[in-house]
Amino acid sequence: MLKHRKDDYLCSSCLRQLSGADAGAYGSVELGRIEEEMARRPRRFCEVCTGEVIASTATRIGPRGLLCTECQGELERVDSNLEVLLCELSRLRYLELRHHTLPELREYDGFND
């Protein structure tokens, strides 16, 4: 489970570790601790390959997606609108996590129709 904090996503265990609080219990003090620690850490991850990148050298696509140089080049060969591609990737990842089996996915699909 990821939560958005400023311009980056953090997993729940990282949020707990950085904030010192249980999941979901993030007040202004805990959020301040998270932001301070994230500002000190230069490393993030590529939204596509999930490899480590240095935030200052990665390309930020849209408000939240960071791409390493290799993934950016590959995606630009597929389509020039990287923000739309990242949005679709995010949607697919959510569906895969939320609906593990084909019957679950069909039920979700039927609900949306």
PDB file of N, CA and C in Angstrom:
ATOM      1  N   MET A   1       0.851  -1.177   0.000  1.00  0.00           N
ATOM      2  CA  MET A   1       0.000   0.000   0.000  1.00  0.00           C
ATOM      3  C   MET A   1       0.891   1.233   0.000  1.00  0.00           C
ATOM      4  N   LEU A   2       0.644   2.139  -0.914  1.00  0.00           N
ATOM      5  CA  LEU A   2       1.431   3.360  -0.994  1.00  0.00           C
ATOM      6  C   LEU A   2       0.568   4.548  -0.632  1.00  0.00           C
ATOM      7  N   LYS A   3       1.191   5.533  -0.055  1.00  0.00           N
ATOM      8  CA  LYS A   3       0.505   6.780   0.251  1.00  0.00           C
ATOM      9  C   LYS A   3       1.309   7.914  -0.359  1.00  0.00           C
ATOM     10  N   HIS A   4       0.601   8.882  -0.862  1.00  0.00           N
ATOM     11  CA  HIS A   4       1.265  10.022  -1.477  1.00  0.00           C
ATOM     12  C   HIS A   4       1.635  11.036  -0.403  1.00  0.00           C
ATOM     13  N   ARG A   5       2.860  11.492  -0.472  1.00  0.00           N
ATOM     14  CA  ARG A   5       3.312  12.540   0.443  1.00  0.00           C
ATOM     15  C   ARG A   5       4.133  13.516  -0.358  1.00  0.00           C
ATOM     16  N   LYS A   6       3.618  14.721  -0.499  1.00  0.00           N
ATOM     17  CA  LYS A   6       4.237  15.736  -1.355  1.00  0.00           C
ATOM     18  C   LYS A   6       4.353  15.157  -2.765  1.00  0.00           C
ATOM     19  N   ASP A   7       5.540  15.134  -3.340  1.00  0.00           N
ATOM     20  CA  ASP A   7       5.676  14.663  -4.713  1.00  0.00           C
ATOM     21  C   ASP A   7       6.140  13.225  -4.832  1.00  0.00           C
ATOM     22  N   ASP A   8       6.071  12.441  -3.788  1.00  0.00           N
ATOM     23  CA  ASP A   8       6.549  11.073  -3.846  1.00  0.00           C
ATOM     24  C   ASP A   8       5.580  10.130  -3.157  1.00  0.00           C
ATOM     25  N   TYR A   9       5.680   8.872  -3.545  1.00  0.00           N
ATOM     26  CA  TYR A   9       4.907   7.824  -2.908  1.00  0.00           C
ATOM     27  C   TYR A   9       5.791   7.090  -1.916  1.00  0.00           C
ATOM     28  N   LEU A  10       5.212   6.732  -0.789  1.00  0.00           N
ATOM     29  CA  LEU A  10       5.921   5.971   0.238  1.00  0.00           C
ATOM     30  C   LEU A  10       5.084   4.764   0.613  1.00  0.00           C
ATOM     31  N   CYS A  11       5.755   3.645   0.846  1.00  0.00           N
ATOM     32  CA  CYS A  11       5.014   2.469   1.291  1.00  0.00           C
ATOM     33  C   CYS A  11       4.635   2.661   2.757  1.00  0.00           C
ATOM     34  N   SER A  12       3.662   1.878   3.196  1.00  0.00           N
ATOM     35  CA  SER A  12       3.166   2.005   4.577  1.00  0.00           C
ATOM     36  C   SER A  12       4.257   1.758   5.610  1.00  0.00           C
ATOM     37  N   SER A  13       5.133   0.768   5.368  1.00  0.00           N
ATOM     38  CA  SER A  13       6.176   0.492   6.360  1.00  0.00           C
ATOM     39  C   SER A  13       7.163   1.658   6.444  1.00  0.00           C
ATOM     40  N   CYS A  14       7.479   2.297   5.311  1.00  0.00           N
ATOM     41  CA  CYS A  14       8.364   3.470   5.351  1.00  0.00           C
ATOM     42  C   CYS A  14       7.697   4.633   6.073  1.00  0.00           C
ATOM     43  N   LEU A  15       6.400   4.807   5.848  1.00  0.00           N
ATOM     44  CA  LEU A  15       5.688   5.877   6.554  1.00  0.00           C
ATOM     45  C   LEU A  15       5.732   5.652   8.058  1.00  0.00           C
ATOM     46  N   ARG A  16       5.501   4.414   8.491  1.00  0.00           N
ATOM     47  CA  ARG A  16       5.561   4.119   9.931  1.00  0.00           C
ATOM     48  C   ARG A  16       6.962   4.374  10.475  1.00  0.00           C
ATOM     49  N   GLN A  17       7.969   3.913   9.733  1.00  0.00           N
ATOM     50  CA  GLN A  17       9.350   4.077  10.193  1.00  0.00           C
ATOM     51  C   GLN A  17       9.737   5.555  10.264  1.00  0.00           C
ATOM     52  N   LEU A  18       9.395   6.322   9.245  1.00  0.00           N
ATOM     53  CA  LEU A  18       9.781   7.734   9.214  1.00  0.00           C
ATOM     54  C   LEU A  18       8.993   8.583  10.207  1.00  0.00           C
ATOM     55  N   SER A  19       7.734   8.199  10.447  1.00  0.00           N
ATOM     56  CA  SER A  19       6.894   9.035  11.302  1.00  0.00           C
ATOM     57  C   SER A  19       6.942   8.615  12.762  1.00  0.00           C
ATOM     58  N   GLY A  20       7.243   7.338  13.006  1.00  0.00           N
ATOM     59  CA  GLY A  20       7.194   6.831  14.374  1.00  0.00           C
ATOM     60  C   GLY A  20       5.776   6.598  14.852  1.00  0.00           C
ATOM     61  N   ALA A  21       4.813   6.551  13.922  1.00  0.00           N
ATOM     62  CA  ALA A  21       3.408   6.365  14.287  1.00  0.00           C
ATOM     63  C   ALA A  21       2.830   5.160  13.561  1.00  0.00           C
ATOM     64  N   ASP A  22       1.694   4.666  14.047  1.00  0.00           N
ATOM     65  CA  ASP A  22       1.004   3.567  13.383  1.00  0.00           C
ATOM     66  C   ASP A  22       0.391   4.067  12.082  1.00  0.00           C
ATOM     67  N   ALA A  23       0.154   3.129  11.161  1.00  0.00           N
ATOM     68  CA  ALA A  23      -0.421   3.465   9.853  1.00  0.00           C
ATOM     69  C   ALA A  23      -1.726   4.231  10.021  1.00  0.00           C
ATOM     70  N   GLY A  24      -1.859   5.304   9.308  1.00  0.00           N
ATOM     71  CA  GLY A  24      -3.084   6.097   9.324  1.00  0.00           C
ATOM     72  C   GLY A  24      -3.140   7.145  10.416  1.00  0.00           C
ATOM     73  N   ALA A  25      -2.221   7.106  11.368  1.00  0.00           N
ATOM     74  CA  ALA A  25      -2.251   8.056  12.479  1.00  0.00           C
ATOM     75  C   ALA A  25      -1.191   9.135  12.272  1.00  0.00           C
ATOM     76  N   TYR A  26      -1.328   9.885  11.207  1.00  0.00           N
ATOM     77  CA  TYR A  26      -0.309  10.875  10.871  1.00  0.00           C
ATOM     78  C   TYR A  26      -0.848  12.290  11.079  1.00  0.00           C
ATOM     79  N   GLY A  27      -0.436  12.880  12.186  1.00  0.00           N
ATOM     80  CA  GLY A  27      -0.782  14.264  12.450  1.00  0.00           C
ATOM     81  C   GLY A  27       0.298  15.178  11.897  1.00  0.00           C
ATOM     82  N   SER A  28       0.210  16.444  12.215  1.00  0.00           N
ATOM     83  CA  SER A  28       1.169  17.410  11.662  1.00  0.00           C
ATOM     84  C   SER A  28       2.599  17.138  12.136  1.00  0.00           C
ATOM     85  N   VAL A  29       2.759  16.650  13.350  1.00  0.00           N
ATOM     86  CA  VAL A  29       4.102  16.343  13.861  1.00  0.00           C
ATOM     87  C   VAL A  29       4.715  15.199  13.062  1.00  0.00           C
ATOM     88  N   GLU A  30       3.943  14.121  12.881  1.00  0.00           N
ATOM     89  CA  GLU A  30       4.445  12.964  12.133  1.00  0.00           C
ATOM     90  C   GLU A  30       4.718  13.319  10.680  1.00  0.00           C
ATOM     91  N   LEU A  31       3.817  14.073  10.067  1.00  0.00           N
ATOM     92  CA  LEU A  31       4.012  14.471   8.670  1.00  0.00           C
ATOM     93  C   LEU A  31       5.227  15.377   8.521  1.00  0.00           C
ATOM     94  N   GLY A  32       5.455  16.220   9.501  1.00  0.00           N
ATOM     95  CA  GLY A  32       6.650  17.065   9.494  1.00  0.00           C
ATOM     96  C   GLY A  32       7.921  16.240   9.547  1.00  0.00           C
ATOM     97  N   ARG A  33       7.925  15.198  10.395  1.00  0.00           N
ATOM     98  CA  ARG A  33       9.079  14.300  10.477  1.00  0.00           C
ATOM     99  C   ARG A  33       9.327  13.597   9.139  1.00  0.00           C
ATOM    100  N   ILE A  34       8.261  13.134   8.513  1.00  0.00           N
ATOM    101  CA  ILE A  34       8.372  12.451   7.222  1.00  0.00           C
ATOM    102  C   ILE A  34       8.969  13.390   6.179  1.00  0.00           C
ATOM    103  N   GLU A  35       8.449  14.597   6.098  1.00  0.00           N
ATOM    104  CA  GLU A  35       8.934  15.561   5.095  1.00  0.00           C
ATOM    105  C   GLU A  35      10.396  15.934   5.337  1.00  0.00           C
ATOM    106  N   GLU A  36      10.780  16.126   6.582  1.00  0.00           N
ATOM    107  CA  GLU A  36      12.178  16.452   6.888  1.00  0.00           C
ATOM    108  C   GLU A  36      13.103  15.316   6.470  1.00  0.00           C
ATOM    109  N   GLU A  37      12.707  14.096   6.797  1.00  0.00           N
ATOM    110  CA  GLU A  37      13.552  12.945   6.459  1.00  0.00           C
ATOM    111  C   GLU A  37      13.626  12.744   4.948  1.00  0.00           C
ATOM    112  N   MET A  38      12.505  12.896   4.264  1.00  0.00           N
ATOM    113  CA  MET A  38      12.508  12.736   2.806  1.00  0.00           C
ATOM    114  C   MET A  38      13.366  13.806   2.142  1.00  0.00           C
ATOM    115  N   ALA A  39      13.386  15.003   2.677  1.00  0.00           N
ATOM    116  CA  ALA A  39      14.214  16.072   2.110  1.00  0.00           C
ATOM    117  C   ALA A  39      15.698  15.733   2.236  1.00  0.00           C
ATOM    118  N   ARG A  40      16.069  14.987   3.277  1.00  0.00           N
ATOM    119  CA  ARG A  40      17.470  14.597   3.472  1.00  0.00           C
ATOM    120  C   ARG A  40      17.876  13.420   2.587  1.00  0.00           C
ATOM    121  N   ARG A  41      16.920  12.644   2.141  1.00  0.00           N
ATOM    122  CA  ARG A  41      17.227  11.444   1.357  1.00  0.00           C
ATOM    123  C   ARG A  41      17.150  11.751  -0.134  1.00  0.00           C
ATOM    124  N   PRO A  42      18.257  11.631  -0.835  1.00  0.00           N
ATOM    125  CA  PRO A  42      18.249  11.964  -2.259  1.00  0.00           C
ATOM    126  C   PRO A  42      17.678  10.857  -3.147  1.00  0.00           C
ATOM    127  N   ARG A  43      17.582   9.650  -2.631  1.00  0.00           N
ATOM    128  CA  ARG A  43      17.160   8.524  -3.476  1.00  0.00           C
ATOM    129  C   ARG A  43      15.649   8.337  -3.473  1.00  0.00           C
ATOM    130  N   ARG A  44      15.143   8.034  -4.664  1.00  0.00           N
ATOM    131  CA  ARG A  44      13.724   7.697  -4.852  1.00  0.00           C
ATOM    132  C   ARG A  44      13.703   6.437  -5.709  1.00  0.00           C
ATOM    133  N   PHE A  45      12.545   6.115  -6.319  1.00  0.00           N
ATOM    134  CA  PHE A  45      12.522   4.970  -7.203  1.00  0.00           C
ATOM    135  C   PHE A  45      11.818   5.317  -8.500  1.00  0.00           C
ATOM    136  N   CYS A  46      12.239   4.641  -9.560  1.00  0.00           N
ATOM    137  CA  CYS A  46      11.635   4.827 -10.876  1.00  0.00           C
ATOM    138  C   CYS A  46      10.250   4.191 -10.853  1.00  0.00           C
ATOM    139  N   GLU A  47       9.269   4.893 -11.362  1.00  0.00           N
ATOM    140  CA  GLU A  47       7.892   4.404 -11.356  1.00  0.00           C
ATOM    141  C   GLU A  47       7.696   3.181 -12.243  1.00  0.00           C
ATOM    142  N   VAL A  48       8.582   2.956 -13.195  1.00  0.00           N
ATOM    143  CA  VAL A  48       8.408   1.845 -14.120  1.00  0.00           C
ATOM    144  C   VAL A  48       9.196   0.621 -13.678  1.00  0.00           C
ATOM    145  N   CYS A  49      10.493   0.750 -13.538  1.00  0.00           N
ATOM    146  CA  CYS A  49      11.328  -0.418 -13.199  1.00  0.00           C
ATOM    147  C   CYS A  49      11.528  -0.577 -11.698  1.00  0.00           C
ATOM    148  N   THR A  50      11.127   0.403 -10.911  1.00  0.00           N
ATOM    149  CA  THR A  50      11.265   0.467  -9.454  1.00  0.00           C
ATOM    150  C   THR A  50      12.725   0.448  -8.998  1.00  0.00           C
ATOM    151  N   GLY A  51      13.649   0.728  -9.904  1.00  0.00           N
ATOM    152  CA  GLY A  51      15.047   0.846  -9.529  1.00  0.00           C
ATOM    153  C   GLY A  51      15.313   2.166  -8.823  1.00  0.00           C
ATOM    154  N   GLU A  52      16.364   2.200  -8.022  1.00  0.00           N
ATOM    155  CA  GLU A  52      16.721   3.435  -7.316  1.00  0.00           C
ATOM    156  C   GLU A  52      17.218   4.493  -8.286  1.00  0.00           C
ATOM    157  N   VAL A  53      16.804   5.720  -8.045  1.00  0.00           N
ATOM    158  CA  VAL A  53      17.281   6.868  -8.815  1.00  0.00           C
ATOM    159  C   VAL A  53      17.582   8.004  -7.849  1.00  0.00           C
ATOM    160  N   ILE A  54      18.449   8.882  -8.260  1.00  0.00           N
ATOM    161  CA  ILE A  54      18.691  10.111  -7.503  1.00  0.00           C
ATOM    162  C   ILE A  54      17.643  11.111  -7.966  1.00  0.00           C
ATOM    163  N   ALA A  55      16.883  11.641  -7.040  1.00  0.00           N
ATOM    164  CA  ALA A  55      15.764  12.506  -7.393  1.00  0.00           C
ATOM    165  C   ALA A  55      16.181  13.673  -8.281  1.00  0.00           C
ATOM    166  N   SER A  56      17.347  14.224  -8.035  1.00  0.00           N
ATOM    167  CA  SER A  56      17.780  15.393  -8.809  1.00  0.00           C
ATOM    168  C   SER A  56      18.175  15.042 -10.245  1.00  0.00           C
ATOM    169  N   THR A  57      18.469  13.764 -10.532  1.00  0.00           N
ATOM    170  CA  THR A  57      18.864  13.382 -11.888  1.00  0.00           C
ATOM    171  C   THR A  57      17.751  12.653 -12.640  1.00  0.00           C
ATOM    172  N   ALA A  58      16.706  12.231 -11.938  1.00  0.00           N
ATOM    173  CA  ALA A  58      15.583  11.555 -12.583  1.00  0.00           C
ATOM    174  C   ALA A  58      14.667  12.587 -13.226  1.00  0.00           C
ATOM    175  N   THR A  59      13.866  12.131 -14.159  1.00  0.00           N
ATOM    176  CA  THR A  59      12.906  13.014 -14.814  1.00  0.00           C
ATOM    177  C   THR A  59      11.557  12.857 -14.138  1.00  0.00           C
ATOM    178  N   ARG A  60      11.003  13.975 -13.673  1.00  0.00           N
ATOM    179  CA  ARG A  60       9.682  13.936 -13.047  1.00  0.00           C
ATOM    180  C   ARG A  60       8.641  14.162 -14.136  1.00  0.00           C
ATOM    181  N   ILE A  61       7.729  13.205 -14.246  1.00  0.00           N
ATOM    182  CA  ILE A  61       6.656  13.279 -15.232  1.00  0.00           C
ATOM    183  C   ILE A  61       5.361  13.560 -14.479  1.00  0.00           C
ATOM    184  N   GLY A  62       4.731  14.655 -14.794  1.00  0.00           N
ATOM    185  CA  GLY A  62       3.524  15.011 -14.070  1.00  0.00           C
ATOM    186  C   GLY A  62       3.874  15.361 -12.639  1.00  0.00           C
ATOM    187  N   PRO A  63       2.894  15.368 -11.771  1.00  0.00           N
ATOM    188  CA  PRO A  63       3.161  15.789 -10.399  1.00  0.00           C
ATOM    189  C   PRO A  63       3.901  14.761  -9.562  1.00  0.00           C
ATOM    190  N   ARG A  64       3.879  13.467  -9.937  1.00  0.00           N
ATOM    191  CA  ARG A  64       4.427  12.470  -9.021  1.00  0.00           C
ATOM    192  C   ARG A  64       5.377  11.453  -9.621  1.00  0.00           C
ATOM    193  N   GLY A  65       5.339  11.176 -10.888  1.00  0.00           N
ATOM    194  CA  GLY A  65       6.121  10.085 -11.452  1.00  0.00           C
ATOM    195  C   GLY A  65       7.567  10.438 -11.740  1.00  0.00           C
ATOM    196  N   LEU A  66       8.480   9.667 -11.191  1.00  0.00           N
ATOM    197  CA  LEU A  66       9.906   9.810 -11.492  1.00  0.00           C
ATOM    198  C   LEU A  66      10.322   8.672 -12.409  1.00  0.00           C
ATOM    199  N   LEU A  67      11.125   8.979 -13.416  1.00  0.00           N
ATOM    200  CA  LEU A  67      11.615   7.967 -14.338  1.00  0.00           C
ATOM    201  C   LEU A  67      13.126   8.007 -14.419  1.00  0.00           C
ATOM    202  N   CYS A  68      13.733   6.811 -14.449  1.00  0.00           N
ATOM    203  CA  CYS A  68      15.160   6.753 -14.709  1.00  0.00           C
ATOM    204  C   CYS A  68      15.382   7.024 -16.199  1.00  0.00           C
ATOM    205  N   THR A  69      16.604   7.288 -16.571  1.00  0.00           N
ATOM    206  CA  THR A  69      16.934   7.630 -17.953  1.00  0.00           C
ATOM    207  C   THR A  69      16.552   6.512 -18.915  1.00  0.00           C
ATOM    208  N   GLU A  70      16.832   5.268 -18.533  1.00  0.00           N
ATOM    209  CA  GLU A  70      16.542   4.129 -19.404  1.00  0.00           C
ATOM    210  C   GLU A  70      15.040   3.985 -19.667  1.00  0.00           C
ATOM    211  N   CYS A  71      14.238   4.036 -18.615  1.00  0.00           N
ATOM    212  CA  CYS A  71      12.791   3.891 -18.770  1.00  0.00           C
ATOM    213  C   CYS A  71      12.194   5.054 -19.540  1.00  0.00           C
ATOM    214  N   GLN A  72      12.689   6.248 -19.293  1.00  0.00           N
ATOM    215  CA  GLN A  72      12.195   7.399 -20.030  1.00  0.00           C
ATOM    216  C   GLN A  72      12.432   7.210 -21.524  1.00  0.00           C
ATOM    217  N   GLY A  73      13.626   6.775 -21.892  1.00  0.00           N
ATOM    218  CA  GLY A  73      13.933   6.554 -23.301  1.00  0.00           C
ATOM    219  C   GLY A  73      13.042   5.498 -23.924  1.00  0.00           C
ATOM    220  N   GLU A  74      12.838   4.389 -23.216  1.00  0.00           N
ATOM    221  CA  GLU A  74      11.984   3.318 -23.743  1.00  0.00           C
ATOM    222  C   GLU A  74      10.538   3.781 -23.902  1.00  0.00           C
ATOM    223  N   LEU A  75      10.024   4.488 -22.913  1.00  0.00           N
ATOM    224  CA  LEU A  75       8.639   4.952 -22.987  1.00  0.00           C
ATOM    225  C   LEU A  75       8.445   5.988 -24.082  1.00  0.00           C
ATOM    226  N   GLU A  76       9.421   6.855 -24.288  1.00  0.00           N
ATOM    227  CA  GLU A  76       9.313   7.851 -25.352  1.00  0.00           C
ATOM    228  C   GLU A  76       9.268   7.188 -26.727  1.00  0.00           C
ATOM    229  N   ARG A  77       9.872   6.006 -26.854  1.00  0.00           N
ATOM    230  CA  ARG A  77       9.784   5.276 -28.123  1.00  0.00           C
ATOM    231  C   ARG A  77       8.367   4.739 -28.347  1.00  0.00           C
ATOM    232  N   VAL A  78       7.657   4.448 -27.255  1.00  0.00           N
ATOM    233  CA  VAL A  78       6.298   3.917 -27.343  1.00  0.00           C
ATOM    234  C   VAL A  78       5.288   5.037 -27.597  1.00  0.00           C
ATOM    235  N   ASP A  79       5.422   6.114 -26.847  1.00  0.00           N
ATOM    236  CA  ASP A  79       4.446   7.214 -26.920  1.00  0.00           C
ATOM    237  C   ASP A  79       5.084   8.465 -26.346  1.00  0.00           C
ATOM    238  N   SER A  80       4.734   9.597 -26.897  1.00  0.00           N
ATOM    239  CA  SER A  80       5.323  10.844 -26.409  1.00  0.00           C
ATOM    240  C   SER A  80       4.615  11.388 -25.169  1.00  0.00           C
ATOM    241  N   ASN A  81       3.408  10.907 -24.876  1.00  0.00           N
ATOM    242  CA  ASN A  81       2.673  11.397 -23.714  1.00  0.00           C
ATOM    243  C   ASN A  81       2.953  10.497 -22.510  1.00  0.00           C
ATOM    244  N   LEU A  82       4.064  10.761 -21.842  1.00  0.00           N
ATOM    245  CA  LEU A  82       4.500   9.914 -20.733  1.00  0.00           C
ATOM    246  C   LEU A  82       3.562   9.978 -19.541  1.00  0.00           C
ATOM    247  N   GLU A  83       2.946  11.114 -19.331  1.00  0.00           N
ATOM    248  CA  GLU A  83       2.045  11.245 -18.180  1.00  0.00           C
ATOM    249  C   GLU A  83       0.855  10.300 -18.310  1.00  0.00           C
ATOM    250  N   VAL A  84       0.309  10.175 -19.509  1.00  0.00           N
ATOM    251  CA  VAL A  84      -0.810   9.257 -19.735  1.00  0.00           C
ATOM    252  C   VAL A  84      -0.349   7.811 -19.556  1.00  0.00           C
ATOM    253  N   LEU A  85       0.831   7.478 -20.066  1.00  0.00           N
ATOM    254  CA  LEU A  85       1.365   6.132 -19.894  1.00  0.00           C
ATOM    255  C   LEU A  85       1.547   5.786 -18.418  1.00  0.00           C
ATOM    256  N   LEU A  86       2.076   6.714 -17.632  1.00  0.00           N
ATOM    257  CA  LEU A  86       2.263   6.460 -16.203  1.00  0.00           C
ATOM    258  C   LEU A  86       0.926   6.320 -15.479  1.00  0.00           C
ATOM    259  N   CYS A  87      -0.049   7.087 -15.902  1.00  0.00           N
ATOM    260  CA  CYS A  87      -1.391   6.986 -15.313  1.00  0.00           C
ATOM    261  C   CYS A  87      -1.971   5.601 -15.584  1.00  0.00           C
ATOM    262  N   GLU A  88      -1.832   5.120 -16.818  1.00  0.00           N
ATOM    263  CA  GLU A  88      -2.333   3.791 -17.165  1.00  0.00           C
ATOM    264  C   GLU A  88      -1.580   2.689 -16.404  1.00  0.00           C
ATOM    265  N   LEU A  89      -0.275   2.847 -16.269  1.00  0.00           N
ATOM    266  CA  LEU A  89       0.520   1.885 -15.504  1.00  0.00           C
ATOM    267  C   LEU A  89       0.048   1.827 -14.058  1.00  0.00           C
ATOM    268  N   SER A  90      -0.203   2.968 -13.486  1.00  0.00           N
ATOM    269  CA  SER A  90      -0.690   3.038 -12.110  1.00  0.00           C
ATOM    270  C   SER A  90      -2.037   2.328 -11.980  1.00  0.00           C
ATOM    271  N   ARG A  91      -2.910   2.547 -12.937  1.00  0.00           N
ATOM    272  CA  ARG A  91      -4.228   1.905 -12.927  1.00  0.00           C
ATOM    273  C   ARG A  91      -4.089   0.381 -13.035  1.00  0.00           C
ATOM    274  N   LEU A  92      -3.225  -0.088 -13.937  1.00  0.00           N
ATOM    275  CA  LEU A  92      -3.015  -1.526 -14.090  1.00  0.00           C
ATOM    276  C   LEU A  92      -2.440  -2.145 -12.823  1.00  0.00           C
ATOM    277  N   ARG A  93      -1.495  -1.463 -12.194  1.00  0.00           N
ATOM    278  CA  ARG A  93      -0.914  -1.985 -10.954  1.00  0.00           C
ATOM    279  C   ARG A  93      -1.965  -2.081  -9.863  1.00  0.00           C
ATOM    280  N   TYR A  94      -2.827  -1.085  -9.777  1.00  0.00           N
ATOM    281  CA  TYR A  94      -3.900  -1.115  -8.784  1.00  0.00           C
ATOM    282  C   TYR A  94      -4.817  -2.307  -9.034  1.00  0.00           C
ATOM    283  N   LEU A  95      -5.218  -2.498 -10.293  1.00  0.00           N
ATOM    284  CA  LEU A  95      -6.112  -3.606 -10.613  1.00  0.00           C
ATOM    285  C   LEU A  95      -5.477  -4.955 -10.297  1.00  0.00           C
ATOM    286  N   GLU A  96      -4.194  -5.095 -10.594  1.00  0.00           N
ATOM    287  CA  GLU A  96      -3.506  -6.350 -10.305  1.00  0.00           C
ATOM    288  C   GLU A  96      -3.429  -6.610  -8.802  1.00  0.00           C
ATOM    289  N   LEU A  97      -3.211  -5.568  -8.019  1.00  0.00           N
ATOM    290  CA  LEU A  97      -3.137  -5.735  -6.565  1.00  0.00           C
ATOM    291  C   LEU A  97      -4.508  -5.993  -5.953  1.00  0.00           C
ATOM    292  N   ARG A  98      -5.502  -5.317  -6.464  1.00  0.00           N
ATOM    293  CA  ARG A  98      -6.839  -5.384  -5.884  1.00  0.00           C
ATOM    294  C   ARG A  98      -7.614  -6.626  -6.311  1.00  0.00           C
ATOM    295  N   HIS A  99      -7.428  -7.065  -7.547  1.00  0.00           N
ATOM    296  CA  HIS A  99      -8.200  -8.178  -8.112  1.00  0.00           C
ATOM    297  C   HIS A  99      -7.224  -9.252  -8.582  1.00  0.00           C
ATOM    298  N   HIS A 100      -6.986 -10.234  -7.727  1.00  0.00           N
ATOM    299  CA  HIS A 100      -5.946 -11.234  -7.960  1.00  0.00           C
ATOM    300  C   HIS A 100      -6.309 -12.269  -9.017  1.00  0.00           C
ATOM    301  N   THR A 101      -7.579 -12.525  -9.199  1.00  0.00           N
ATOM    302  CA  THR A 101      -7.977 -13.586 -10.117  1.00  0.00           C
ATOM    303  C   THR A 101      -8.832 -13.025 -11.244  1.00  0.00           C
ATOM    304  N   LEU A 102      -8.952 -13.800 -12.320  1.00  0.00           N
ATOM    305  CA  LEU A 102      -9.772 -13.383 -13.450  1.00  0.00           C
ATOM    306  C   LEU A 102     -11.240 -13.210 -13.053  1.00  0.00           C
ATOM    307  N   PRO A 103     -11.826 -14.118 -12.256  1.00  0.00           N
ATOM    308  CA  PRO A 103     -13.222 -13.894 -11.825  1.00  0.00           C
ATOM    309  C   PRO A 103     -13.396 -12.580 -11.040  1.00  0.00           C
ATOM    310  N   GLU A 104     -12.427 -12.249 -10.179  1.00  0.00           N
ATOM    311  CA  GLU A 104     -12.508 -10.982  -9.435  1.00  0.00           C
ATOM    312  C   GLU A 104     -12.448  -9.795 -10.388  1.00  0.00           C
ATOM    313  N   LEU A 105     -11.587  -9.893 -11.377  1.00  0.00           N
ATOM    314  CA  LEU A 105     -11.462  -8.815 -12.346  1.00  0.00           C
ATOM    315  C   LEU A 105     -12.737  -8.686 -13.187  1.00  0.00           C
ATOM    316  N   ARG A 106     -13.332  -9.813 -13.561  1.00  0.00           N
ATOM    317  CA  ARG A 106     -14.592  -9.772 -14.323  1.00  0.00           C
ATOM    318  C   ARG A 106     -15.714  -9.159 -13.482  1.00  0.00           C
ATOM    319  N   GLU A 107     -15.747  -9.485 -12.198  1.00  0.00           N
ATOM    320  CA  GLU A 107     -16.759  -8.901 -11.311  1.00  0.00           C
ATOM    321  C   GLU A 107     -16.575  -7.381 -11.223  1.00  0.00           C
ATOM    322  N   TYR A 108     -15.330  -6.951 -11.097  1.00  0.00           N
ATOM    323  CA  TYR A 108     -15.017  -5.506 -11.062  1.00  0.00           C
ATOM    324  C   TYR A 108     -15.430  -4.856 -12.364  1.00  0.00           C
ATOM    325  N   ASP A 109     -15.134  -5.519 -13.483  1.00  0.00           N
ATOM    326  CA  ASP A 109     -15.484  -5.002 -14.807  1.00  0.00           C
ATOM    327  C   ASP A 109     -17.003  -4.867 -14.947  1.00  0.00           C
ATOM    328  N   GLY A 110     -17.729  -5.889 -14.504  1.00  0.00           N
ATOM    329  CA  GLY A 110     -19.188  -5.843 -14.577  1.00  0.00           C
ATOM    330  C   GLY A 110     -19.767  -4.738 -13.724  1.00  0.00           C
ATOM    331  N   PHE A 111     -19.183  -4.520 -12.561  1.00  0.00           N
ATOM    332  CA  PHE A 111     -19.626  -3.449 -11.675  1.00  0.00           C
ATOM    333  C   PHE A 111     -19.449  -2.084 -12.346  1.00  0.00           C
ATOM    334  N   ASN A 112     -18.340  -1.902 -13.066  1.00  0.00           N
ATOM    335  CA  ASN A 112     -18.074  -0.616 -13.706  1.00  0.00           C
ATOM    336  C   ASN A 112     -18.919  -0.372 -14.933  1.00  0.00           C
ATOM    337  N   ASP A 113     -19.414  -1.448 -15.558  1.00  0.00           N
ATOM    338  CA  ASP A 113     -20.288  -1.270 -16.729  1.00  0.00           C
ATOM    339  C   ASP A 113     -21.610  -0.706 -16.275  1.00  0.00           C
TER     340      ASP A 113
END
